[in-house]
Amino acid sequence: MHDIRFIRENPEAFDRALGRRGLAALSSQILALDEERRGKIQAAETAQAEQNRASKEVGAAKARGDDAEFERLRALVAEKKAEIAALNTQAAARDAELRDMLMTIPNLPLDEVPEGRDENDNVEIRTWGTPREFPFKPVEHFEIKGVKPGMDFETAAKLSGSRFMVLKGAVTRVHRALGQFMVDTHVEEHALTECWTPVLVKDEPMFGTGNLPKFSEDSYQTTNGWWLIPTAEVTLTNFVAGEILDQAQLPIRMTAHTHCFRSEAGSAGKDTTGMLRQHQFEKVEMVTICEPEQALAEHDRMTACAEAILQKLNLPYRTVVLCTGDMGFGSQKTHDIEVWVPGQGKYREISSCSTCGQFQARRMNARFRPEGGKPEFVATLNGSGLAVGRTLIAVLENGQQEDGSVDLPAVLHPYLGGKTRISPEGDLV
């Protein structure tokens, strides 16, 4: 959510930043609504002062026996009381209208974010690893002989419809091992605090992270009003909602491995084969709460934590900074990490790490108190560390062999009881 004081003092800069996102100027509309709201408040305060004066004079008029003046003043008090109530109602309506408007406007990109329209304008900042040269034509994950027994699309469709997956046997165990390996690495090597959170939340946490009100169609809501989380960003970030933290508590760095749910609204026809784009999936999420001045350094740190997982799995990847037209709603700056998937012969997103500045904190009223100072809004960051299903895809495709077996990364062997491969028959060996 945006600071109305910043918009009042910097309307041109606000509009210019929106323009970099491809949006029309909004400051004049916002400020007109703000001025009307403030005018109603000021008028109510003036009427209140007039009511107070009249109330004091009522007693004096009665004491001196001036019945006409007494009645006039009593009527004035009643009139002002009704006027104040009406003005307060109008001010509250304008305030709600202004808040609703500000809630639907995306975060402003940092000046260093490259300008662009879509993913084609994102800027690569580094690569790691060299894509493997296969002596045969690599196939997609669901076409690998040893993987086929472990991916049951027909049963998933019977149970739930399209964009769901049933995993079995060796593939299931590798999937589980990946999630455990990611969490262990983040806790033991990256000093993140492991958390376990609900996957059902109330409206307020979804508003706090920017998933509501604008993107309600992207998530699932139960009949009693709970929302299924699209990622643990929603729960972890809202740990500090409504809080005033001590400066010494910051930074707070957390991770959680949860099920995630997305309706994939607007993705019809995209990635319909395999398990790349699912309604239900698992993700290891990272969230950081810190002082605003530390946000960019924490952003680089978080990105490095995600990259370290891919390096340990020996999966080639590239890291890009998203352009202004491809950034998420709440982001000031985003790094996407894209892993190499040989079955498609291209890099695909496996992690998005974003710094949101104080945008989410304003929505959540999450603050910290600097030593000797007044409370300030914290900064929030979130990132995938990593998407478990997409990592499974990358592991299977990069490790596939000509006979249909899959060689698994060495760091997973301890999680698999010392087993190192999926055989052509689909067994863990």
Protein backbone atom coordinates (compact mmCIF):
# COMPACT_ATOMS: atom_id res chain seq x y z
CA MET A 1 0.00 0.00 0.00
CA HIS A 2 1.22 3.49 -0.77
CA ASP A 3 2.03 6.37 1.56
CA ILE A 4 -0.47 9.14 0.79
CA ARG A 5 2.01 11.72 2.09
CA PHE A 6 4.56 10.62 -0.51
CA ILE A 7 1.95 11.04 -3.26
CA ARG A 8 1.00 14.52 -2.00
CA GLU A 9 4.64 15.62 -1.97
CA ASN A 10 5.80 13.76 -5.10
CA PRO A 11 2.85 13.38 -7.50
CA GLU A 12 5.00 13.56 -10.64
CA ALA A 13 7.49 10.97 -9.35
CA PHE A 14 4.58 8.69 -8.38
CA ASP A 15 3.04 8.91 -11.85
CA ARG A 16 6.41 8.46 -13.51
CA ALA A 17 7.00 5.25 -11.54
CA LEU A 18 3.54 3.95 -12.49
CA GLY A 19 4.34 4.81 -16.10
CA ARG A 20 7.41 2.58 -15.92
CA ARG A 21 5.02 -0.24 -15.08
CA GLY A 22 2.91 0.63 -18.10
CA LEU A 23 0.12 2.19 -16.03
CA ALA A 24 -1.69 5.50 -16.47
CA ALA A 25 -1.06 8.45 -14.15
CA LEU A 26 -3.23 8.30 -11.02
CA SER A 27 -1.94 11.00 -8.69
CA SER A 28 -4.55 13.62 -9.66
CA GLN A 29 -7.40 11.18 -9.07
CA ILE A 30 -5.91 10.05 -5.75
CA LEU A 31 -5.23 13.59 -4.55
CA ALA A 32 -8.70 14.82 -5.51
CA LEU A 33 -10.21 12.05 -3.40
CA ASP A 34 -7.77 12.79 -0.59
CA GLU A 35 -8.60 16.51 -0.71
CA GLU A 36 -12.32 15.81 -0.56
CA ARG A 37 -11.77 13.46 2.41
CA ARG A 38 -9.66 16.02 4.24
CA GLY A 39 -12.19 18.75 3.45
CA LYS A 40 -14.98 16.71 5.08
CA ILE A 41 -12.81 16.12 8.14
CA GLN A 42 -11.96 19.81 8.44
CA ALA A 43 -15.61 20.80 8.01
CA ALA A 44 -16.60 18.32 10.74
CA GLU A 45 -13.96 19.81 13.06
CA THR A 46 -15.26 23.33 12.37
CA ALA A 47 -18.84 22.24 13.05
CA GLN A 48 -17.70 20.53 16.26
CA ALA A 49 -16.11 23.77 17.46
CA GLU A 50 -19.32 25.67 16.68
CA GLN A 51 -21.35 23.05 18.54
CA ASN A 52 -19.06 23.31 21.55
CA ARG A 53 -19.40 27.10 21.66
CA ALA A 54 -23.18 26.93 21.35
CA SER A 55 -23.36 24.28 24.09
CA LYS A 56 -21.49 26.56 26.48
CA GLU A 57 -23.80 29.49 25.67
CA VAL A 58 -27.01 27.48 26.18
CA GLY A 59 -26.63 27.46 29.97
CA ALA A 60 -25.86 31.19 30.11
CA ALA A 61 -28.95 32.03 28.05
CA LYS A 62 -31.19 29.99 30.33
CA ALA A 63 -29.61 31.50 33.46
CA ARG A 64 -30.44 35.05 32.34
CA GLY A 65 -33.95 34.03 31.32
CA ASP A 66 -33.47 34.60 27.58
CA ASP A 67 -35.83 31.87 26.39
CA ALA A 68 -35.62 32.85 22.70
CA GLU A 69 -31.82 32.70 22.69
CA PHE A 70 -31.94 29.46 24.67
CA GLU A 71 -34.17 27.80 22.07
CA ARG A 72 -32.07 29.15 19.18
CA LEU A 73 -28.86 27.81 20.68
CA ARG A 74 -30.40 24.46 21.54
CA ALA A 75 -31.61 24.11 17.94
CA LEU A 76 -28.13 25.10 16.71
CA VAL A 77 -26.53 22.41 18.86
CA ALA A 78 -28.89 19.79 17.44
CA GLU A 79 -28.26 21.06 13.89
CA LYS A 80 -24.48 20.93 14.32
CA LYS A 81 -24.68 17.47 15.85
CA ALA A 82 -26.52 16.19 12.77
CA GLU A 83 -24.11 18.06 10.47
CA ILE A 84 -21.07 16.53 12.20
CA ALA A 85 -22.53 13.02 11.91
CA ALA A 86 -23.19 13.51 8.20
CA LEU A 87 -19.72 14.92 7.55
CA ASN A 88 -18.04 12.10 9.48
CA THR A 89 -20.00 9.54 7.47
CA GLN A 90 -18.98 11.25 4.22
CA ALA A 91 -15.34 11.44 5.34
CA ALA A 92 -15.36 7.75 6.27
CA ALA A 93 -16.81 6.89 2.87
CA ARG A 94 -14.12 8.92 1.08
CA ASP A 95 -11.47 7.34 3.31
CA ALA A 96 -12.67 3.84 2.43
CA GLU A 97 -12.78 4.76 -1.25
CA LEU A 98 -9.23 6.12 -1.09
CA ARG A 99 -7.98 3.07 0.80
CA ASP A 100 -9.64 0.71 -1.69
CA MET A 101 -8.04 2.59 -4.57
CA LEU A 102 -4.57 2.56 -3.00
CA MET A 103 -4.94 -1.17 -2.27
CA THR A 104 -5.23 -1.96 -5.99
CA ILE A 105 -2.19 0.04 -7.16
CA PRO A 106 1.02 -2.01 -7.49
CA ASN A 107 4.27 -1.21 -5.75
CA LEU A 108 6.63 1.27 -7.37
CA PRO A 109 9.75 -0.21 -9.00
CA LEU A 110 13.15 0.89 -7.79
CA ASP A 111 15.02 3.17 -10.18
CA GLU A 112 17.59 0.43 -10.84
CA VAL A 113 14.96 -1.97 -12.21
CA PRO A 114 15.23 -2.18 -16.02
CA GLU A 115 12.26 -0.82 -17.93
CA GLY A 116 10.39 -3.19 -20.21
CA ARG A 117 7.05 -4.65 -21.23
CA ASP A 118 7.30 -8.39 -20.56
CA GLU A 119 9.63 -11.33 -19.90
CA ASN A 120 11.47 -10.67 -23.14
CA ASP A 121 12.88 -7.48 -21.57
CA ASN A 122 14.25 -9.14 -18.42
CA VAL A 123 18.00 -8.78 -17.96
CA GLU A 124 20.29 -11.73 -17.28
CA ILE A 125 22.75 -10.95 -14.49
CA ARG A 126 24.59 -14.28 -14.18
CA THR A 127 24.62 -17.95 -15.12
CA TRP A 128 25.90 -21.01 -13.28
CA GLY A 129 26.81 -24.41 -14.66
CA THR A 130 26.90 -25.70 -18.21
CA PRO A 131 23.91 -27.52 -19.70
CA ARG A 132 24.77 -31.17 -20.20
CA GLU A 133 25.40 -32.46 -23.72
CA PHE A 134 23.35 -35.61 -24.23
CA PRO A 135 24.43 -38.43 -26.58
CA PHE A 136 20.71 -38.91 -27.24
CA LYS A 137 17.68 -36.63 -27.56
CA PRO A 138 16.53 -35.77 -23.99
CA VAL A 139 12.82 -35.99 -23.29
CA GLU A 140 10.53 -34.21 -20.84
CA HIS A 141 10.16 -35.56 -17.33
CA PHE A 142 6.90 -37.40 -17.91
CA GLU A 143 8.33 -39.19 -20.96
CA ILE A 144 11.34 -40.72 -19.16
CA LYS A 145 10.90 -44.51 -19.03
CA GLY A 146 11.85 -44.90 -15.36
CA VAL A 147 9.66 -41.95 -14.33
CA LYS A 148 6.44 -43.00 -16.06
CA PRO A 149 5.43 -45.54 -13.37
CA GLY A 150 5.72 -42.80 -10.74
CA MET A 151 3.55 -40.15 -12.41
CA ASP A 152 -0.13 -41.03 -12.62
CA PHE A 153 -2.04 -38.35 -14.51
CA GLU A 154 -5.12 -40.50 -15.11
CA THR A 155 -5.80 -41.15 -11.44
CA ALA A 156 -5.21 -37.48 -10.62
CA ALA A 157 -7.72 -36.46 -13.30
CA LYS A 158 -10.24 -38.97 -11.93
CA LEU A 159 -9.81 -37.60 -8.42
CA SER A 160 -9.54 -33.87 -9.07
CA GLY A 161 -9.47 -32.97 -12.78
CA SER A 162 -6.73 -31.33 -14.81
CA ARG A 163 -3.56 -29.76 -13.39
CA PHE A 164 -3.28 -32.23 -10.53
CA MET A 165 -0.74 -34.98 -9.99
CA VAL A 166 -0.46 -38.34 -8.27
CA LEU A 167 3.12 -39.41 -7.56
CA LYS A 168 4.06 -43.00 -6.71
CA GLY A 169 7.02 -45.02 -5.60
CA ALA A 170 10.53 -43.81 -6.30
CA VAL A 171 9.44 -40.46 -7.76
CA THR A 172 7.45 -39.70 -4.60
CA ARG A 173 10.46 -40.43 -2.43
CA VAL A 174 12.73 -38.18 -4.49
CA HIS A 175 10.12 -35.42 -4.29
CA ARG A 176 9.98 -35.78 -0.50
CA ALA A 177 13.76 -35.89 -0.25
CA LEU A 178 14.08 -32.65 -2.21
CA GLY A 179 11.82 -30.75 0.17
CA GLN A 180 13.66 -32.07 3.22
CA PHE A 181 17.06 -31.30 1.68
CA MET A 182 16.01 -27.71 0.93
CA VAL A 183 14.72 -27.05 4.45
CA ASP A 184 17.78 -28.64 6.07
CA THR A 185 20.11 -26.53 3.93
CA HIS A 186 18.29 -23.29 4.71
CA VAL A 187 18.23 -24.03 8.44
CA GLU A 188 21.73 -25.45 8.88
CA GLU A 189 23.69 -23.38 6.38
CA HIS A 190 21.63 -20.23 5.77
CA ALA A 191 20.46 -19.64 9.38
CA LEU A 192 16.76 -19.44 8.52
CA THR A 193 14.23 -20.37 11.18
CA GLU A 194 12.05 -23.29 10.14
CA CYS A 195 8.31 -22.73 10.62
CA TRP A 196 5.18 -24.78 10.08
CA THR A 197 2.06 -22.76 9.25
CA PRO A 198 -1.62 -23.22 8.37
CA VAL A 199 -2.54 -23.40 4.70
CA LEU A 200 -5.98 -21.91 5.41
CA VAL A 201 -6.07 -18.20 6.28
CA LYS A 202 -8.54 -15.40 6.86
CA ASP A 203 -9.01 -12.40 4.56
CA GLU A 204 -6.60 -10.15 6.45
CA PRO A 205 -3.38 -12.09 5.72
CA MET A 206 -4.27 -12.21 2.02
CA PHE A 207 -4.84 -8.44 2.02
CA GLY A 208 -1.60 -7.95 3.89
CA THR A 209 0.57 -9.56 1.22
CA GLY A 210 -1.37 -8.07 -1.70
CA ASN A 211 -3.24 -11.20 -2.85
CA LEU A 212 -6.50 -9.38 -2.14
CA PRO A 213 -8.48 -7.54 -3.27
CA LYS A 214 -7.16 -7.46 -6.83
CA PHE A 215 -6.17 -11.10 -7.31
CA SER A 216 -8.95 -13.05 -5.66
CA GLU A 217 -9.51 -15.08 -8.83
CA ASP A 218 -5.97 -16.49 -8.53
CA SER A 219 -6.70 -18.25 -5.23
CA TYR A 220 -9.22 -20.71 -3.82
CA GLN A 221 -11.70 -19.79 -1.08
CA THR A 222 -13.62 -22.24 1.06
CA THR A 223 -17.35 -21.97 1.68
CA ASN A 224 -16.73 -20.65 5.20
CA GLY A 225 -14.44 -17.87 4.01
CA TRP A 226 -10.93 -19.24 4.48
CA TRP A 227 -8.40 -18.91 1.67
CA LEU A 228 -5.98 -21.64 0.61
CA ILE A 229 -2.56 -20.03 0.56
CA PRO A 230 -0.85 -19.59 -2.83
CA THR A 231 2.50 -19.70 -0.97
CA ALA A 232 3.75 -19.55 2.63
CA GLU A 233 4.69 -15.93 1.94
CA VAL A 234 1.14 -15.16 3.09
CA THR A 235 1.49 -16.80 6.49
CA LEU A 236 5.15 -16.09 7.25
CA THR A 237 4.97 -12.40 6.34
CA ASN A 238 1.83 -11.90 8.43
CA PHE A 239 3.56 -13.20 11.57
CA VAL A 240 4.43 -9.54 12.21
CA ALA A 241 1.09 -7.99 11.20
CA GLY A 242 -0.02 -5.36 13.71
CA GLU A 243 3.23 -5.69 15.68
CA ILE A 244 5.84 -3.16 16.78
CA LEU A 245 9.13 -5.03 16.86
CA ASP A 246 12.29 -4.07 18.68
CA GLN A 247 15.09 -3.09 16.33
CA ALA A 248 17.26 -5.79 17.91
CA GLN A 249 14.84 -8.47 16.65
CA LEU A 250 15.68 -7.65 13.03
CA PRO A 251 16.36 -9.18 10.64
CA ILE A 252 13.92 -12.08 11.01
CA ARG A 253 14.65 -14.81 8.45
CA MET A 254 12.22 -17.72 8.10
CA THR A 255 11.49 -20.71 5.91
CA ALA A 256 8.54 -23.08 5.60
CA HIS A 257 7.74 -26.13 3.48
CA THR A 258 4.02 -26.13 2.67
CA HIS A 259 1.43 -27.19 0.20
CA CYS A 260 0.41 -24.28 -2.03
CA PHE A 261 -2.73 -23.74 -4.10
CA ARG A 262 -3.28 -21.61 -7.19
CA SER A 263 -6.21 -21.46 -9.57
CA GLU A 264 -3.84 -20.62 -12.46
CA ALA A 265 -6.42 -18.13 -13.72
CA GLY A 266 -5.50 -16.93 -17.18
CA SER A 267 -3.08 -19.79 -17.84
CA ALA A 268 -5.36 -21.84 -20.10
CA GLY A 269 -3.28 -23.68 -22.68
CA LYS A 270 0.03 -23.01 -20.91
CA ASP A 271 2.16 -25.96 -19.78
CA THR A 272 -0.75 -28.38 -19.90
CA THR A 273 1.47 -31.48 -20.06
CA GLY A 274 3.48 -32.82 -17.17
CA MET A 275 3.62 -31.29 -13.69
CA LEU A 276 5.10 -27.87 -14.44
CA ARG A 277 1.95 -25.85 -13.71
CA GLN A 278 -0.32 -27.38 -11.08
CA HIS A 279 -3.23 -26.26 -8.91
CA GLN A 280 -1.65 -27.94 -5.87
CA PHE A 281 2.10 -28.10 -5.32
CA GLU A 282 4.77 -27.89 -2.65
CA LYS A 283 7.21 -25.09 -2.11
CA VAL A 284 9.91 -24.18 0.37
CA GLU A 285 9.38 -20.48 0.96
CA MET A 286 11.76 -17.91 2.44
CA VAL A 287 10.61 -14.67 4.09
CA THR A 288 12.69 -11.91 5.65
CA ILE A 289 11.55 -9.01 7.83
CA CYS A 290 14.19 -6.31 8.17
CA GLU A 291 14.96 -2.60 8.42
CA PRO A 292 14.26 -0.76 5.13
CA GLU A 293 17.92 0.22 4.75
CA GLN A 294 18.92 -3.46 4.77
CA ALA A 295 16.36 -4.65 2.22
CA LEU A 296 18.58 -4.68 -0.89
CA ALA A 297 21.39 -6.51 0.90
CA GLU A 298 18.86 -9.02 2.22
CA HIS A 299 17.49 -9.41 -1.31
CA ASP A 300 20.90 -10.44 -2.60
CA ARG A 301 21.33 -12.77 0.37
CA MET A 302 17.97 -14.45 -0.22
CA THR A 303 18.72 -14.91 -3.92
CA ALA A 304 22.05 -16.52 -3.01
CA CYS A 305 20.26 -18.93 -0.64
CA ALA A 306 18.00 -20.10 -3.48
CA GLU A 307 20.91 -20.36 -5.91
CA ALA A 308 22.87 -22.47 -3.40
CA ILE A 309 20.19 -25.19 -3.55
CA LEU A 310 20.58 -25.48 -7.33
CA GLN A 311 24.36 -25.49 -7.07
CA LYS A 312 24.29 -28.35 -4.55
CA LEU A 313 21.97 -30.26 -6.91
CA ASN A 314 24.37 -29.45 -9.79
CA LEU A 315 21.55 -27.97 -11.87
CA PRO A 316 22.54 -25.27 -14.40
CA TYR A 317 20.61 -22.04 -14.02
CA ARG A 318 20.55 -18.39 -14.86
CA THR A 319 19.47 -15.44 -12.72
CA VAL A 320 17.62 -12.49 -14.23
CA VAL A 321 16.31 -9.22 -12.87
CA LEU A 322 12.72 -8.71 -13.93
CA CYS A 323 11.83 -5.63 -15.94
CA THR A 324 9.14 -3.22 -14.80
CA GLY A 325 6.48 -4.86 -16.97
CA ASP A 326 7.08 -8.38 -15.62
CA MET A 327 7.29 -7.66 -11.89
CA GLY A 328 4.76 -8.92 -9.38
CA PHE A 329 2.17 -6.64 -7.79
CA GLY A 330 3.94 -6.13 -4.47
CA SER A 331 7.54 -6.09 -5.66
CA GLN A 332 10.03 -3.23 -5.83
CA LYS A 333 12.65 -5.47 -7.43
CA THR A 334 12.64 -9.17 -8.33
CA HIS A 335 15.28 -11.73 -9.21
CA ASP A 336 14.00 -14.78 -11.07
CA ILE A 337 16.13 -17.92 -11.07
CA GLU A 338 15.55 -20.13 -14.11
CA VAL A 339 16.76 -23.72 -14.15
CA TRP A 340 17.80 -25.55 -17.31
CA VAL A 341 15.28 -28.20 -18.40
CA PRO A 342 16.78 -30.23 -21.27
CA GLY A 343 13.46 -31.80 -22.23
CA GLN A 344 12.28 -28.36 -23.34
CA GLY A 345 15.75 -27.12 -24.24
CA LYS A 346 15.36 -23.88 -22.27
CA TYR A 347 15.50 -22.24 -18.88
CA ARG A 348 12.30 -22.24 -16.80
CA GLU A 349 11.51 -20.25 -13.65
CA ILE A 350 12.12 -22.15 -10.43
CA SER A 351 12.37 -19.27 -7.95
CA SER A 352 11.30 -15.66 -7.64
CA CYS A 353 12.96 -13.54 -4.93
CA SER A 354 11.44 -10.11 -4.31
CA THR A 355 11.99 -7.15 -2.07
CA CYS A 356 8.73 -5.35 -1.34
CA GLY A 357 10.11 -2.45 0.67
CA GLN A 358 7.46 -1.14 3.09
CA PHE A 359 4.58 -1.85 0.70
CA GLN A 360 3.27 -4.96 2.50
CA ALA A 361 4.15 -3.59 5.93
CA ARG A 362 1.79 -0.64 5.40
CA ARG A 363 -1.01 -3.04 4.51
CA MET A 364 -0.26 -5.13 7.62
CA ASN A 365 0.68 -2.23 9.94
CA ALA A 366 3.94 -4.03 10.74
CA ARG A 367 6.51 -1.73 12.36
CA PHE A 368 9.72 -1.64 14.36
CA ARG A 369 11.01 0.89 16.86
CA PRO A 370 14.52 2.23 16.17
CA GLU A 371 16.53 2.88 19.30
CA GLY A 372 15.38 6.23 20.66
CA GLY A 373 13.03 6.81 17.71
CA LYS A 374 9.42 6.55 16.65
CA PRO A 375 8.01 3.34 15.10
CA GLU A 376 8.70 2.86 11.38
CA PHE A 377 7.37 0.33 8.90
CA VAL A 378 9.56 -2.71 8.38
CA ALA A 379 10.63 -4.00 4.97
CA THR A 380 9.52 -7.44 3.78
CA LEU A 381 11.06 -9.88 1.31
CA ASN A 382 9.97 -13.25 -0.02
CA GLY A 383 11.40 -15.91 -2.30
CA SER A 384 11.13 -19.54 -3.34
CA GLY A 385 13.81 -21.73 -1.98
CA LEU A 386 12.68 -23.67 -4.11
CA ALA A 387 9.50 -24.85 -5.82
CA VAL A 388 9.75 -28.58 -5.03
CA GLY A 389 7.85 -29.93 -8.04
CA ARG A 390 9.79 -27.84 -10.53
CA THR A 391 13.04 -28.89 -8.89
CA LEU A 392 11.95 -32.51 -9.26
CA ILE A 393 11.37 -31.89 -12.97
CA ALA A 394 14.87 -30.42 -13.34
CA VAL A 395 16.49 -33.29 -11.40
CA LEU A 396 14.74 -35.93 -13.49
CA GLU A 397 15.39 -34.30 -16.86
CA ASN A 398 19.02 -33.38 -16.19
CA GLY A 399 19.78 -36.82 -14.76
CA GLN A 400 18.05 -38.91 -17.42
CA GLN A 401 20.04 -41.65 -19.17
CA GLU A 402 19.60 -43.25 -22.55
CA ASP A 403 18.20 -46.49 -21.05
CA GLY A 404 15.42 -44.56 -19.30
CA SER A 405 17.04 -44.50 -15.86
CA VAL A 406 17.78 -41.34 -13.88
CA ASP A 407 21.00 -40.55 -12.02
CA LEU A 408 20.17 -38.57 -8.89
CA PRO A 409 22.26 -35.74 -7.35
CA ALA A 410 24.78 -36.85 -4.73
CA VAL A 411 23.34 -34.53 -2.04
CA LEU A 412 20.09 -36.50 -2.14
CA HIS A 413 21.66 -39.93 -1.61
CA PRO A 414 21.63 -39.67 2.23
CA TYR A 415 17.91 -38.81 2.09
CA LEU A 416 17.27 -41.87 -0.07
CA GLY A 417 18.91 -44.48 2.13
CA GLY A 418 22.04 -44.47 -0.01
CA LYS A 419 20.13 -45.14 -3.25
CA THR A 420 21.53 -43.23 -6.22
CA ARG A 421 19.30 -43.88 -9.24
CA ILE A 422 15.82 -44.52 -10.53
CA SER A 423 16.02 -47.64 -12.65
CA PRO A 424 14.42 -47.98 -16.11
CA GLU A 425 11.71 -50.00 -14.37
CA GLY A 426 10.96 -47.13 -11.98
CA ASP A 427 12.62 -48.50 -8.85
CA LEU A 428 14.95 -46.65 -6.50
CA VAL A 429 18.31 -48.45 -6.65
